[in-house]
PDB file of N, CA and C in Angstrom:
ATOM      1  N   MET A   1      40.927  89.084 113.139  1.00  0.00           N
ATOM      2  CA  MET A   1      41.683  88.145 112.366  1.00  0.00           C
ATOM      3  C   MET A   1      42.309  88.810 111.148  1.00  0.00           C
ATOM      4  N   GLU A   2      41.520  89.696 110.611  1.00  0.00           N
ATOM      5  CA  GLU A   2      42.023  90.423 109.462  1.00  0.00           C
ATOM      6  C   GLU A   2      43.285  91.183 109.817  1.00  0.00           C
ATOM      7  N   ASN A   3      43.294  91.710 110.994  1.00  0.00           N
ATOM      8  CA  ASN A   3      44.465  92.437 111.481  1.00  0.00           C
ATOM      9  C   ASN A   3      45.681  91.531 111.519  1.00  0.00           C
ATOM     10  N   ASN A   4      45.462  90.317 111.991  1.00  0.00           N
ATOM     11  CA  ASN A   4      46.543  89.345 112.083  1.00  0.00           C
ATOM     12  C   ASN A   4      47.117  89.025 110.719  1.00  0.00           C
ATOM     13  N   SER A   5      46.295  88.852 109.771  1.00  0.00           N
ATOM     14  CA  SER A   5      46.776  88.500 108.439  1.00  0.00           C
ATOM     15  C   SER A   5      47.505  89.677 107.801  1.00  0.00           C
ATOM     16  N   LYS A   6      47.028  90.898 108.082  1.00  0.00           N
ATOM     17  CA  LYS A   6      47.714  92.076 107.556  1.00  0.00           C
ATOM     18  C   LYS A   6      49.101  92.209 108.187  1.00  0.00           C
ATOM     19  N   GLU A   7      49.178  91.909 109.461  1.00  0.00           N
ATOM     20  CA  GLU A   7      50.464  91.975 110.152  1.00  0.00           C
ATOM     21  C   GLU A   7      51.426  90.947 109.588  1.00  0.00           C
ATOM     22  N   LYS A   8      50.908  89.748 109.320  1.00  0.00           N
ATOM     23  CA  LYS A   8      51.749  88.692 108.768  1.00  0.00           C
ATOM     24  C   LYS A   8      52.263  89.090 107.393  1.00  0.00           C
ATOM     25  N   GLU A   9      51.408  89.684 106.601  1.00  0.00           N
ATOM     26  CA  GLU A   9      51.820  90.112 105.260  1.00  0.00           C
ATOM     27  C   GLU A   9      52.878  91.220 105.353  1.00  0.00           C
ATOM     28  N   ALA A  10      52.671  92.133 106.286  1.00  0.00           N
ATOM     29  CA  ALA A  10      53.633  93.220 106.454  1.00  0.00           C
ATOM     30  C   ALA A  10      54.972  92.666 106.922  1.00  0.00           C
ATOM     31  N   LEU A  11      54.938  91.680 107.787  1.00  0.00           N
ATOM     32  CA  LEU A  11      56.150  91.057 108.290  1.00  0.00           C
ATOM     33  C   LEU A  11      56.895  90.349 107.169  1.00  0.00           C
ATOM     34  N   LYS A  12      56.157  89.627 106.335  1.00  0.00           N
ATOM     35  CA  LYS A  12      56.780  88.936 105.209  1.00  0.00           C
ATOM     36  C   LYS A  12      57.405  89.935 104.246  1.00  0.00           C
ATOM     37  N   ALA A  13      56.716  91.039 104.029  1.00  0.00           N
ATOM     38  CA  ALA A  13      57.236  92.060 103.118  1.00  0.00           C
ATOM     39  C   ALA A  13      58.524  92.659 103.675  1.00  0.00           C
ATOM     40  N   THR A  14      58.570  92.865 104.962  1.00  0.00           N
ATOM     41  CA  THR A  14      59.755  93.417 105.610  1.00  0.00           C
ATOM     42  C   THR A  14      60.903  92.431 105.525  1.00  0.00           C
ATOM     43  N   GLU A  15      60.622  91.161 105.750  1.00  0.00           N
ATOM     44  CA  GLU A  15      61.666  90.131 105.707  1.00  0.00           C
ATOM     45  C   GLU A  15      62.282  90.031 104.322  1.00  0.00           C
ATOM     46  N   THR A  16      61.498  90.218 103.309  1.00  0.00           N
ATOM     47  CA  THR A  16      62.035  90.103 101.953  1.00  0.00           C
ATOM     48  C   THR A  16      62.877  91.315 101.591  1.00  0.00           C
ATOM     49  N   THR A  17      62.578  92.469 102.175  1.00  0.00           N
ATOM     50  CA  THR A  17      63.373  93.660 101.853  1.00  0.00           C
ATOM     51  C   THR A  17      64.690  93.685 102.623  1.00  0.00           C
ATOM     52  N   ILE A  18      64.741  93.061 103.783  1.00  0.00           N
ATOM     53  CA  ILE A  18      65.978  93.009 104.575  1.00  0.00           C
ATOM     54  C   ILE A  18      66.788  91.823 104.106  1.00  0.00           C
ATOM     55  N   GLU A  19      67.991  92.107 103.646  1.00  0.00           N
ATOM     56  CA  GLU A  19      68.856  91.014 103.215  1.00  0.00           C
ATOM     57  C   GLU A  19      69.602  90.486 104.433  1.00  0.00           C
ATOM     58  N   THR A  20      69.588  89.220 104.592  1.00  0.00           N
ATOM     59  CA  THR A  20      70.350  88.628 105.692  1.00  0.00           C
ATOM     60  C   THR A  20      71.786  88.469 105.215  1.00  0.00           C
ATOM     61  N   PRO A  21      72.718  88.975 105.987  1.00  0.00           N
ATOM     62  CA  PRO A  21      74.113  88.915 105.545  1.00  0.00           C
ATOM     63  C   PRO A  21      74.660  87.503 105.614  1.00  0.00           C
ATOM     64  N   ASN A  22      75.643  87.289 104.802  1.00  0.00           N
ATOM     65  CA  ASN A  22      76.341  86.018 104.831  1.00  0.00           C
ATOM     66  C   ASN A  22      77.202  86.030 106.095  1.00  0.00           C
ATOM     67  N   CYS A  23      76.962  85.100 107.002  1.00  0.00           N
ATOM     68  CA  CYS A  23      77.643  85.114 108.301  1.00  0.00           C
ATOM     69  C   CYS A  23      79.148  84.987 108.167  1.00  0.00           C
ATOM     70  N   SER A  24      79.627  84.123 107.328  1.00  0.00           N
ATOM     71  CA  SER A  24      81.075  83.940 107.217  1.00  0.00           C
ATOM     72  C   SER A  24      81.736  85.199 106.668  1.00  0.00           C
ATOM     73  N   GLU A  25      81.049  85.910 105.793  1.00  0.00           N
ATOM     74  CA  GLU A  25      81.574  87.166 105.261  1.00  0.00           C
ATOM     75  C   GLU A  25      81.676  88.207 106.378  1.00  0.00           C
ATOM     76  N   GLY A  26      80.665  88.270 107.206  1.00  0.00           N
ATOM     77  CA  GLY A  26      80.663  89.203 108.333  1.00  0.00           C
ATOM     78  C   GLY A  26      81.769  88.895 109.319  1.00  0.00           C
ATOM     79  N   ILE A  27      81.984  87.617 109.570  1.00  0.00           N
ATOM     80  CA  ILE A  27      83.035  87.212 110.509  1.00  0.00           C
ATOM     81  C   ILE A  27      84.402  87.602 109.962  1.00  0.00           C
ATOM     82  N   GLU A  28      84.629  87.393 108.674  1.00  0.00           N
ATOM     83  CA  GLU A  28      85.910  87.769 108.061  1.00  0.00           C
ATOM     84  C   GLU A  28      86.139  89.275 108.176  1.00  0.00           C
ATOM     85  N   ASN A  29      85.082  90.037 107.924  1.00  0.00           N
ATOM     86  CA  ASN A  29      85.193  91.496 108.043  1.00  0.00           C
ATOM     87  C   ASN A  29      85.531  91.898 109.480  1.00  0.00           C
ATOM     88  N   LEU A  30      84.867  91.241 110.435  1.00  0.00           N
ATOM     89  CA  LEU A  30      85.137  91.543 111.839  1.00  0.00           C
ATOM     90  C   LEU A  30      86.567  91.163 112.219  1.00  0.00           C
ATOM     91  N   LYS A  31      87.060  90.034 111.688  1.00  0.00           N
ATOM     92  CA  LYS A  31      88.440  89.625 111.974  1.00  0.00           C
ATOM     93  C   LYS A  31      89.410  90.706 111.512  1.00  0.00           C
ATOM     94  N   ASP A  32      89.167  91.209 110.304  1.00  0.00           N
ATOM     95  CA  ASP A  32      90.039  92.268 109.777  1.00  0.00           C
ATOM     96  C   ASP A  32      89.967  93.519 110.641  1.00  0.00           C
ATOM     97  N   GLU A  33      88.745  93.876 111.041  1.00  0.00           N
ATOM     98  CA  GLU A  33      88.578  95.067 111.882  1.00  0.00           C
ATOM     99  C   GLU A  33      89.272  94.884 113.230  1.00  0.00           C
ATOM    100  N   VAL A  34      89.072  93.711 113.828  1.00  0.00           N
ATOM    101  CA  VAL A  34      89.690  93.438 115.128  1.00  0.00           C
ATOM    102  C   VAL A  34      91.209  93.447 114.996  1.00  0.00           C
ATOM    103  N   SER A  35      91.717  92.822 113.959  1.00  0.00           N
ATOM    104  CA  SER A  35      93.158  92.795 113.738  1.00  0.00           C
ATOM    105  C   SER A  35      93.703  94.207 113.562  1.00  0.00           C
ATOM    106  N   SER A  36      92.995  95.006 112.794  1.00  0.00           N
ATOM    107  CA  SER A  36      93.406  96.399 112.577  1.00  0.00           C
ATOM    108  C   SER A  36      93.371  97.179 113.888  1.00  0.00           C
ATOM    109  N   GLU A  37      92.323  96.991 114.677  1.00  0.00           N
ATOM    110  CA  GLU A  37      92.203  97.677 115.968  1.00  0.00           C
ATOM    111  C   GLU A  37      93.312  97.236 116.923  1.00  0.00           C
ATOM    112  N   LEU A  38      93.612  95.932 116.922  1.00  0.00           N
ATOM    113  CA  LEU A  38      94.692  95.434 117.781  1.00  0.00           C
ATOM    114  C   LEU A  38      96.034  96.036 117.374  1.00  0.00           C
ATOM    115  N   ASN A  39      96.278  96.129 116.073  1.00  0.00           N
ATOM    116  CA  ASN A  39      97.522  96.753 115.602  1.00  0.00           C
ATOM    117  C   ASN A  39      97.583  98.210 116.035  1.00  0.00           C
ATOM    118  N   SER A  40      96.472  98.914 115.913  1.00  0.00           N
ATOM    119  CA  SER A  40      96.428 100.317 116.343  1.00  0.00           C
ATOM    120  C   SER A  40      96.703 100.416 117.837  1.00  0.00           C
ATOM    121  N   PHE A  41      96.119  99.495 118.589  1.00  0.00           N
ATOM    122  CA  PHE A  41      96.319  99.489 120.037  1.00  0.00           C
ATOM    123  C   PHE A  41      97.784  99.207 120.371  1.00  0.00           C
ATOM    124  N   ASP A  42      98.389  98.242 119.664  1.00  0.00           N
ATOM    125  CA  ASP A  42      99.810  97.937 119.885  1.00  0.00           C
ATOM    126  C   ASP A  42     100.684  99.152 119.600  1.00  0.00           C
ATOM    127  N   VAL A  43     100.374  99.870 118.522  1.00  0.00           N
ATOM    128  CA  VAL A  43     101.125 101.082 118.186  1.00  0.00           C
ATOM    129  C   VAL A  43     100.950 102.109 119.298  1.00  0.00           C
ATOM    130  N   PHE A  44      99.724 102.260 119.782  1.00  0.00           N
ATOM    131  CA  PHE A  44      99.422 103.207 120.858  1.00  0.00           C
ATOM    132  C   PHE A  44     100.224 102.857 122.116  1.00  0.00           C
ATOM    133  N   ILE A  45     100.216 101.583 122.485  1.00  0.00           N
ATOM    134  CA  ILE A  45     100.954 101.122 123.668  1.00  0.00           C
ATOM    135  C   ILE A  45     102.453 101.349 123.466  1.00  0.00           C
ATOM    136  N   SER A  46     102.935 101.071 122.275  1.00  0.00           N
ATOM    137  CA  SER A  46     104.351 101.279 121.975  1.00  0.00           C
ATOM    138  C   SER A  46     104.728 102.749 122.125  1.00  0.00           C
ATOM    139  N   GLU A  47     103.863 103.636 121.653  1.00  0.00           N
ATOM    140  CA  GLU A  47     104.108 105.075 121.796  1.00  0.00           C
ATOM    141  C   GLU A  47     104.143 105.473 123.270  1.00  0.00           C
ATOM    142  N   ILE A  48     103.217 104.904 124.044  1.00  0.00           N
ATOM    143  CA  ILE A  48     103.195 105.195 125.485  1.00  0.00           C
ATOM    144  C   ILE A  48     104.494 104.707 126.127  1.00  0.00           C
ATOM    145  N   ASP A  49     104.926 103.485 125.755  1.00  0.00           N
ATOM    146  CA  ASP A  49     106.184 102.953 126.295  1.00  0.00           C
ATOM    147  C   ASP A  49     107.350 103.863 125.954  1.00  0.00           C
ATOM    148  N   THR A  50     107.393 104.308 124.703  1.00  0.00           N
ATOM    149  CA  THR A  50     108.492 105.176 124.265  1.00  0.00           C
ATOM    150  C   THR A  50     108.466 106.495 125.020  1.00  0.00           C
ATOM    151  N   LYS A  51     107.283 107.106 125.086  1.00  0.00           N
ATOM    152  CA  LYS A  51     107.164 108.385 125.796  1.00  0.00           C
ATOM    153  C   LYS A  51     107.462 108.204 127.279  1.00  0.00           C
ATOM    154  N   GLY A  52     106.972 107.112 127.851  1.00  0.00           N
ATOM    155  CA  GLY A  52     107.222 106.833 129.265  1.00  0.00           C
ATOM    156  C   GLY A  52     108.701 106.615 129.531  1.00  0.00           C
ATOM    157  N   SER A  53     109.356 105.882 128.640  1.00  0.00           N
ATOM    158  CA  SER A  53     110.793 105.642 128.799  1.00  0.00           C
ATOM    159  C   SER A  53     111.568 106.943 128.705  1.00  0.00           C
ATOM    160  N   LYS A  54     111.179 107.785 127.751  1.00  0.00           N
ATOM    161  CA  LYS A  54     111.849 109.083 127.611  1.00  0.00           C
ATOM    162  C   LYS A  54     111.634 109.927 128.865  1.00  0.00           C
ATOM    163  N   ALA A  55     110.403 109.932 129.354  1.00  0.00           N
ATOM    164  CA  ALA A  55     110.090 110.717 130.556  1.00  0.00           C
ATOM    165  C   ALA A  55     110.887 110.199 131.750  1.00  0.00           C
ATOM    166  N   LEU A  56     110.942 108.878 131.904  1.00  0.00           N
ATOM    167  CA  LEU A  56     111.720 108.301 133.009  1.00  0.00           C
ATOM    168  C   LEU A  56     113.198 108.655 132.885  1.00  0.00           C
ATOM    169  N   GLN A  57     113.721 108.588 131.663  1.00  0.00           N
ATOM    170  CA  GLN A  57     115.123 108.929 131.446  1.00  0.00           C
ATOM    171  C   GLN A  57     115.378 110.389 131.800  1.00  0.00           C
ATOM    172  N   GLU A  58     114.459 111.275 131.389  1.00  0.00           N
ATOM    173  CA  GLU A  58     114.603 112.698 131.711  1.00  0.00           C
ATOM    174  C   GLU A  58     114.556 112.922 133.217  1.00  0.00           C
ATOM    175  N   ILE A  59     113.666 112.205 133.896  1.00  0.00           N
ATOM    176  CA  ILE A  59     113.558 112.330 135.353  1.00  0.00           C
ATOM    177  C   ILE A  59     114.853 111.852 136.013  1.00  0.00           C
ATOM    178  N   LYS A  60     115.371 110.700 135.556  1.00  0.00           N
ATOM    179  CA  LYS A  60     116.623 110.175 136.116  1.00  0.00           C
ATOM    180  C   LYS A  60     117.761 111.164 135.908  1.00  0.00           C
ATOM    181  N   GLU A  61     117.854 111.719 134.698  1.00  0.00           N
ATOM    182  CA  GLU A  61     118.927 112.678 134.406  1.00  0.00           C
ATOM    183  C   GLU A  61     118.787 113.934 135.261  1.00  0.00           C
ATOM    184  N   SER A  62     117.554 114.376 135.450  1.00  0.00           N
ATOM    185  CA  SER A  62     117.308 115.564 136.271  1.00  0.00           C
ATOM    186  C   SER A  62     117.720 115.305 137.721  1.00  0.00           C
ATOM    187  N   ILE A  63     117.356 114.147 138.235  1.00  0.00           N
ATOM    188  CA  ILE A  63     117.716 113.791 139.612  1.00  0.00           C
ATOM    189  C   ILE A  63     119.234 113.692 139.751  1.00  0.00           C
ATOM    190  N   ALA A  64     119.885 113.053 138.772  1.00  0.00           N
ATOM    191  CA  ALA A  64     121.347 112.929 138.819  1.00  0.00           C
ATOM    192  C   ALA A  64     122.005 114.307 138.791  1.00  0.00           C
ATOM    193  N   SER A  65     121.483 115.187 137.961  1.00  0.00           N
ATOM    194  CA  SER A  65     122.027 116.550 137.875  1.00  0.00           C
ATOM    195  C   SER A  65     121.837 117.288 139.197  1.00  0.00           C
ATOM    196  N   ASP A  66     120.630 117.172 139.758  1.00  0.00           N
ATOM    197  CA  ASP A  66     120.350 117.832 141.042  1.00  0.00           C
ATOM    198  C   ASP A  66     121.247 117.284 142.151  1.00  0.00           C
ATOM    199  N   LEU A  67     121.429 115.966 142.172  1.00  0.00           N
ATOM    200  CA  LEU A  67     122.300 115.364 143.189  1.00  0.00           C
ATOM    201  C   LEU A  67     123.739 115.842 143.026  1.00  0.00           C
ATOM    202  N   SER A  68     124.175 115.963 141.789  1.00  0.00           N
ATOM    203  CA  SER A  68     125.526 116.456 141.526  1.00  0.00           C
ATOM    204  C   SER A  68     125.684 117.887 142.034  1.00  0.00           C
ATOM    205  N   LYS A  69     124.673 118.718 141.790  1.00  0.00           N
ATOM    206  CA  LYS A  69     124.712 120.107 142.267  1.00  0.00           C
ATOM    207  C   LYS A  69     124.722 120.153 143.795  1.00  0.00           C
ATOM    208  N   ILE A  70     123.905 119.314 144.410  1.00  0.00           N
ATOM    209  CA  ILE A  70     123.841 119.273 145.877  1.00  0.00           C
ATOM    210  C   ILE A  70     125.188 118.824 146.443  1.00  0.00           C
ATOM    211  N   LYS A  71     125.793 117.800 145.821  1.00  0.00           N
ATOM    212  CA  LYS A  71     127.092 117.310 146.290  1.00  0.00           C
ATOM    213  C   LYS A  71     128.148 118.406 146.165  1.00  0.00           C
ATOM    214  N   GLU A  72     128.130 119.123 145.054  1.00  0.00           N
ATOM    215  CA  GLU A  72     129.093 120.207 144.841  1.00  0.00           C
ATOM    216  C   GLU A  72     128.902 121.309 145.884  1.00  0.00           C
ATOM    217  N   GLU A  73     127.649 121.677 146.134  1.00  0.00           N
ATOM    218  CA  GLU A  73     127.358 122.713 147.132  1.00  0.00           C
ATOM    219  C   GLU A  73     127.776 122.242 148.525  1.00  0.00           C
ATOM    220  N   TYR A  74     127.519 120.968 148.823  1.00  0.00           N
ATOM    221  CA  TYR A  74     127.928 120.390 150.109  1.00  0.00           C
ATOM    222  C   TYR A  74     129.445 120.496 150.284  1.00  0.00           C
ATOM    223  N   GLU A  75     130.181 120.127 149.228  1.00  0.00           N
ATOM    224  CA  GLU A  75     131.647 120.202 149.289  1.00  0.00           C
ATOM    225  C   GLU A  75     132.109 121.640 149.512  1.00  0.00           C
ATOM    226  N   ASN A  76     131.465 122.603 148.832  1.00  0.00           N
ATOM    227  CA  ASN A  76     131.824 124.014 149.015  1.00  0.00           C
ATOM    228  C   ASN A  76     131.592 124.464 150.453  1.00  0.00           C
ATOM    229  N   VAL A  77     130.436 124.119 150.984  1.00  0.00           N
ATOM    230  CA  VAL A  77     130.104 124.508 152.362  1.00  0.00           C
ATOM    231  C   VAL A  77     131.061 123.830 153.342  1.00  0.00           C
ATOM    232  N   LYS A  78     131.342 122.548 153.100  1.00  0.00           N
ATOM    233  CA  LYS A  78     132.257 121.807 153.974  1.00  0.00           C
ATOM    234  C   LYS A  78     133.643 122.451 153.965  1.00  0.00           C
ATOM    235  N   CYS A  79     134.121 122.827 152.774  1.00  0.00           N
ATOM    236  CA  CYS A  79     135.441 123.478 152.681  1.00  0.00           C
ATOM    237  C   CYS A  79     135.447 124.803 153.440  1.00  0.00           C
ATOM    238  N   LYS A  80     134.360 125.566 153.305  1.00  0.00           N
ATOM    239  CA  LYS A  80     134.274 126.847 154.018  1.00  0.00           C
ATOM    240  C   LYS A  80     134.290 126.625 155.524  1.00  0.00           C
ATOM    241  N   ILE A  81     133.544 125.633 155.984  1.00  0.00           N
ATOM    242  CA  ILE A  81     133.498 125.330 157.420  1.00  0.00           C
ATOM    243  C   ILE A  81     134.871 124.868 157.902  1.00  0.00           C
ATOM    244  N   ASP A  82     135.498 123.963 157.127  1.00  0.00           N
ATOM    245  CA  ASP A  82     136.831 123.477 157.509  1.00  0.00           C
ATOM    246  C   ASP A  82     137.833 124.624 157.568  1.00  0.00           C
ATOM    247  N   ALA A  83     137.773 125.519 156.576  1.00  0.00           N
ATOM    248  CA  ALA A  83     138.692 126.666 156.557  1.00  0.00           C
ATOM    249  C   ALA A  83     138.444 127.565 157.758  1.00  0.00           C
ATOM    250  N   SER A  84     137.173 127.782 158.059  1.00  0.00           N
ATOM    251  CA  SER A  84     136.817 128.626 159.198  1.00  0.00           C
ATOM    252  C   SER A  84     137.296 127.995 160.506  1.00  0.00           C
ATOM    253  N   LEU A  85     137.080 126.687 160.642  1.00  0.00           N
ATOM    254  CA  LEU A  85     137.532 125.992 161.853  1.00  0.00           C
ATOM    255  C   LEU A  85     139.049 126.024 161.964  1.00  0.00           C
ATOM    256  N   SER A  86     139.726 125.833 160.842  1.00  0.00           N
ATOM    257  CA  SER A  86     141.185 125.865 160.844  1.00  0.00           C
ATOM    258  C   SER A  86     141.686 127.251 161.240  1.00  0.00           C
ATOM    259  N   GLU A  87     141.040 128.275 160.688  1.00  0.00           N
ATOM    260  CA  GLU A  87     141.405 129.658 161.031  1.00  0.00           C
ATOM    261  C   GLU A  87     141.153 129.924 162.512  1.00  0.00           C
ATOM    262  N   ASP A  88     139.993 129.470 162.998  1.00  0.00           N
ATOM    263  CA  ASP A  88     139.676 129.648 164.421  1.00  0.00           C
ATOM    264  C   ASP A  88     140.694 128.921 165.297  1.00  0.00           C
ATOM    265  N   LYS A  89     141.082 127.718 164.876  1.00  0.00           N
ATOM    266  CA  LYS A  89     142.055 126.938 165.644  1.00  0.00           C
ATOM    267  C   LYS A  89     143.391 127.681 165.696  1.00  0.00           C
ATOM    268  N   GLU A  90     143.800 128.233 164.549  1.00  0.00           N
ATOM    269  CA  GLU A  90     145.055 128.989 164.494  1.00  0.00           C
ATOM    270  C   GLU A  90     144.967 130.239 165.363  1.00  0.00           C
ATOM    271  N   ASN A  91     143.826 130.913 165.318  1.00  0.00           N
ATOM    272  CA  ASN A  91     143.633 132.104 166.163  1.00  0.00           C
ATOM    273  C   ASN A  91     143.699 131.747 167.642  1.00  0.00           C
ATOM    274  N   VAL A  92     143.114 130.624 168.008  1.00  0.00           N
ATOM    275  CA  VAL A  92     143.150 130.185 169.405  1.00  0.00           C
ATOM    276  C   VAL A  92     144.589 129.893 169.819  1.00  0.00           C
ATOM    277  N   LYS A  93     145.356 129.242 168.922  1.00  0.00           N
ATOM    278  CA  LYS A  93     146.767 128.962 169.233  1.00  0.00           C
ATOM    279  C   LYS A  93     147.539 130.257 169.453  1.00  0.00           C
ATOM    280  N   GLN A  94     147.324 131.226 168.555  1.00  0.00           N
ATOM    281  CA  GLN A  94     148.022 132.508 168.687  1.00  0.00           C
ATOM    282  C   GLN A  94     147.623 133.219 169.976  1.00  0.00           C
ATOM    283  N   ASP A  95     146.327 133.209 170.264  1.00  0.00           N
ATOM    284  CA  ASP A  95     145.857 133.839 171.503  1.00  0.00           C
ATOM    285  C   ASP A  95     146.450 133.138 172.724  1.00  0.00           C
ATOM    286  N   PHE A  96     146.548 131.813 172.660  1.00  0.00           N
ATOM    287  CA  PHE A  96     147.128 131.056 173.764  1.00  0.00           C
ATOM    288  C   PHE A  96     148.599 131.436 173.961  1.00  0.00           C
ATOM    289  N   HIS A  97     149.349 131.547 172.841  1.00  0.00           N
ATOM    290  CA  HIS A  97     150.760 131.957 172.937  1.00  0.00           C
ATOM    291  C   HIS A  97     150.893 133.352 173.539  1.00  0.00           C
ATOM    292  N   LYS A  98     150.052 134.267 173.089  1.00  0.00           N
ATOM    293  CA  LYS A  98     150.093 135.637 173.629  1.00  0.00           C
ATOM    294  C   LYS A  98     149.806 135.626 175.124  1.00  0.00           C
ATOM    295  N   LEU A  99     148.797 134.868 175.503  1.00  0.00           N
ATOM    296  CA  LEU A  99     148.439 134.774 176.912  1.00  0.00           C
ATOM    297  C   LEU A  99     149.586 134.171 177.722  1.00  0.00           C
ATOM    298  N   LYS A 100     150.217 133.143 177.172  1.00  0.00           N
ATOM    299  CA  LYS A 100     151.336 132.501 177.854  1.00  0.00           C
ATOM    300  C   LYS A 100     152.500 133.486 178.021  1.00  0.00           C
ATOM    301  N   GLU A 101     152.771 134.250 176.956  1.00  0.00           N
ATOM    302  CA  GLU A 101     153.837 135.260 177.043  1.00  0.00           C
ATOM    303  C   GLU A 101     153.513 136.308 178.102  1.00  0.00           C
ATOM    304  N   LEU A 102     152.255 136.755 178.111  1.00  0.00           N
ATOM    305  CA  LEU A 102     151.850 137.743 179.116  1.00  0.00           C
ATOM    306  C   LEU A 102     151.976 137.182 180.529  1.00  0.00           C
ATOM    307  N   LEU A 103     151.588 135.936 180.697  1.00  0.00           N
ATOM    308  CA  LEU A 103     151.717 135.303 182.017  1.00  0.00           C
ATOM    309  C   LEU A 103     153.184 135.175 182.418  1.00  0.00           C
ATOM    310  N   ASN A 104     154.024 134.814 181.462  1.00  0.00           N
ATOM    311  CA  ASN A 104     155.468 134.730 181.762  1.00  0.00           C
ATOM    312  C   ASN A 104     156.021 136.096 182.157  1.00  0.00           C
ATOM    313  N   LYS A 105     155.625 137.130 181.424  1.00  0.00           N
ATOM    314  CA  LYS A 105     156.078 138.486 181.766  1.00  0.00           C
ATOM    315  C   LYS A 105     155.587 138.880 183.146  1.00  0.00           C
ATOM    316  N   LEU A 106     154.324 138.575 183.400  1.00  0.00           N
ATOM    317  CA  LEU A 106     153.758 138.890 184.706  1.00  0.00           C
ATOM    318  C   LEU A 106     154.499 138.125 185.802  1.00  0.00           C
ATOM    319  N   ASP A 107     154.780 136.870 185.517  1.00  0.00           N
ATOM    320  CA  ASP A 107     155.500 136.040 186.474  1.00  0.00           C
ATOM    321  C   ASP A 107     156.909 136.593 186.709  1.00  0.00           C
ATOM    322  N   ASP A 108     157.562 136.989 185.618  1.00  0.00           N
ATOM    323  CA  ASP A 108     158.905 137.592 185.748  1.00  0.00           C
ATOM    324  C   ASP A 108     158.846 138.867 186.579  1.00  0.00           C
ATOM    325  N   LYS A 109     157.869 139.697 186.311  1.00  0.00           N
ATOM    326  CA  LYS A 109     157.737 140.953 187.067  1.00  0.00           C
ATOM    327  C   LYS A 109     157.474 140.675 188.538  1.00  0.00           C
ATOM    328  N   SER A 110     156.617 139.714 188.788  1.00  0.00           N
ATOM    329  CA  SER A 110     156.320 139.433 190.199  1.00  0.00           C
ATOM    330  C   SER A 110     157.537 138.825 190.882  1.00  0.00           C
ATOM    331  N   ASN A 111     158.289 137.999 190.160  1.00  0.00           N
ATOM    332  CA  ASN A 111     159.524 137.435 190.735  1.00  0.00           C
ATOM    333  C   ASN A 111     160.540 138.539 190.991  1.00  0.00           C
ATOM    334  N   ASN A 112     160.674 139.440 190.050  1.00  0.00           N
ATOM    335  CA  ASN A 112     161.606 140.563 190.229  1.00  0.00           C
ATOM    336  C   ASN A 112     161.176 141.433 191.398  1.00  0.00           C
ATOM    337  N   SER A 113     159.913 141.685 191.471  1.00  0.00           N
ATOM    338  CA  SER A 113     159.394 142.504 192.557  1.00  0.00           C
ATOM    339  C   SER A 113     159.626 141.807 193.892  1.00  0.00           C
ATOM    340  N   PHE A 114     159.396 140.509 193.918  1.00  0.00           N
ATOM    341  CA  PHE A 114     159.600 139.740 195.144  1.00  0.00           C
ATOM    342  C   PHE A 114     161.079 139.745 195.530  1.00  0.00           C
ATOM    343  N   SER A 115     161.944 139.627 194.553  1.00  0.00           N
ATOM    344  CA  SER A 115     163.395 139.650 194.820  1.00  0.00           C
ATOM    345  C   SER A 115     163.809 140.989 195.378  1.00  0.00           C
ATOM    346  N   LYS A 116     163.315 142.060 194.803  1.00  0.00           N
ATOM    347  CA  LYS A 116     163.668 143.401 195.284  1.00  0.00           C
ATOM    348  C   LYS A 116     163.184 143.591 196.716  1.00  0.00           C
ATOM    349  N   ASP A 117     161.981 143.111 196.988  1.00  0.00           N
ATOM    350  CA  ASP A 117     161.450 143.214 198.352  1.00  0.00           C
ATOM    351  C   ASP A 117     162.334 142.426 199.315  1.00  0.00           C
ATOM    352  N   ASN A 118     162.793 141.271 198.898  1.00  0.00           N
ATOM    353  CA  ASN A 118     163.675 140.448 199.732  1.00  0.00           C
ATOM    354  C   ASN A 118     165.008 141.148 199.961  1.00  0.00           C
ATOM    355  N   GLU A 119     165.524 141.777 198.916  1.00  0.00           N
ATOM    356  CA  GLU A 119     166.794 142.496 199.050  1.00  0.00           C
ATOM    357  C   GLU A 119     166.637 143.649 200.034  1.00  0.00           C
ATOM    358  N   LYS A 120     165.518 144.357 199.930  1.00  0.00           N
ATOM    359  CA  LYS A 120     165.262 145.472 200.849  1.00  0.00           C
ATOM    360  C   LYS A 120     165.184 144.952 202.278  1.00  0.00           C
ATOM    361  N   ASP A 121     164.503 143.846 202.439  1.00  0.00           N
ATOM    362  CA  ASP A 121     164.370 143.267 203.772  1.00  0.00           C
ATOM    363  C   ASP A 121     165.741 142.868 204.315  1.00  0.00           C
ATOM    364  N   GLN A 122     166.590 142.345 203.455  1.00  0.00           N
ATOM    365  CA  GLN A 122     167.910 141.908 203.902  1.00  0.00           C
ATOM    366  C   GLN A 122     168.789 143.115 204.235  1.00  0.00           C
ATOM    367  N   VAL A 123     168.664 144.159 203.451  1.00  0.00           N
ATOM    368  CA  VAL A 123     169.467 145.357 203.700  1.00  0.00           C
ATOM    369  C   VAL A 123     169.021 145.979 205.009  1.00  0.00           C
ATOM    370  N   VAL A 124     167.773 146.022 205.280  1.00  0.00           N
ATOM    371  CA  VAL A 124     167.234 146.626 206.487  1.00  0.00           C
ATOM    372  C   VAL A 124     167.655 145.795 207.698  1.00  0.00           C
ATOM    373  N   SER A 125     167.756 144.542 207.588  1.00  0.00           N
ATOM    374  CA  SER A 125     168.078 143.725 208.728  1.00  0.00           C
ATOM    375  C   SER A 125     169.488 143.866 208.997  1.00  0.00           C
TER     376      SER A 125
END
């Protein structure tokens, strides 16, 4: 029992040394802290939005630049191919004309040869 009474006395002594805070004062302090933390959080989010927007803008600009370069390179390659095809087409036309001329010459020679053979045959008869 003596132990119990000593414990009670020690508890009372502890209670008197611990000041119980005024609850409304604590709540006001917490409101200020929460408000301050929320403002800090809003600033943090705003910074993220700004940085994110800048990053997105940089990405968009980079993509647009790359697409422009690709389009320019495509046009260059297309022009080279078109020029090459046009040159090949012209070469084919020239080769066709040469071949046609050679065939005409060959045809003329064979006609002349045939005529001479006919003349010889007529003279012999």
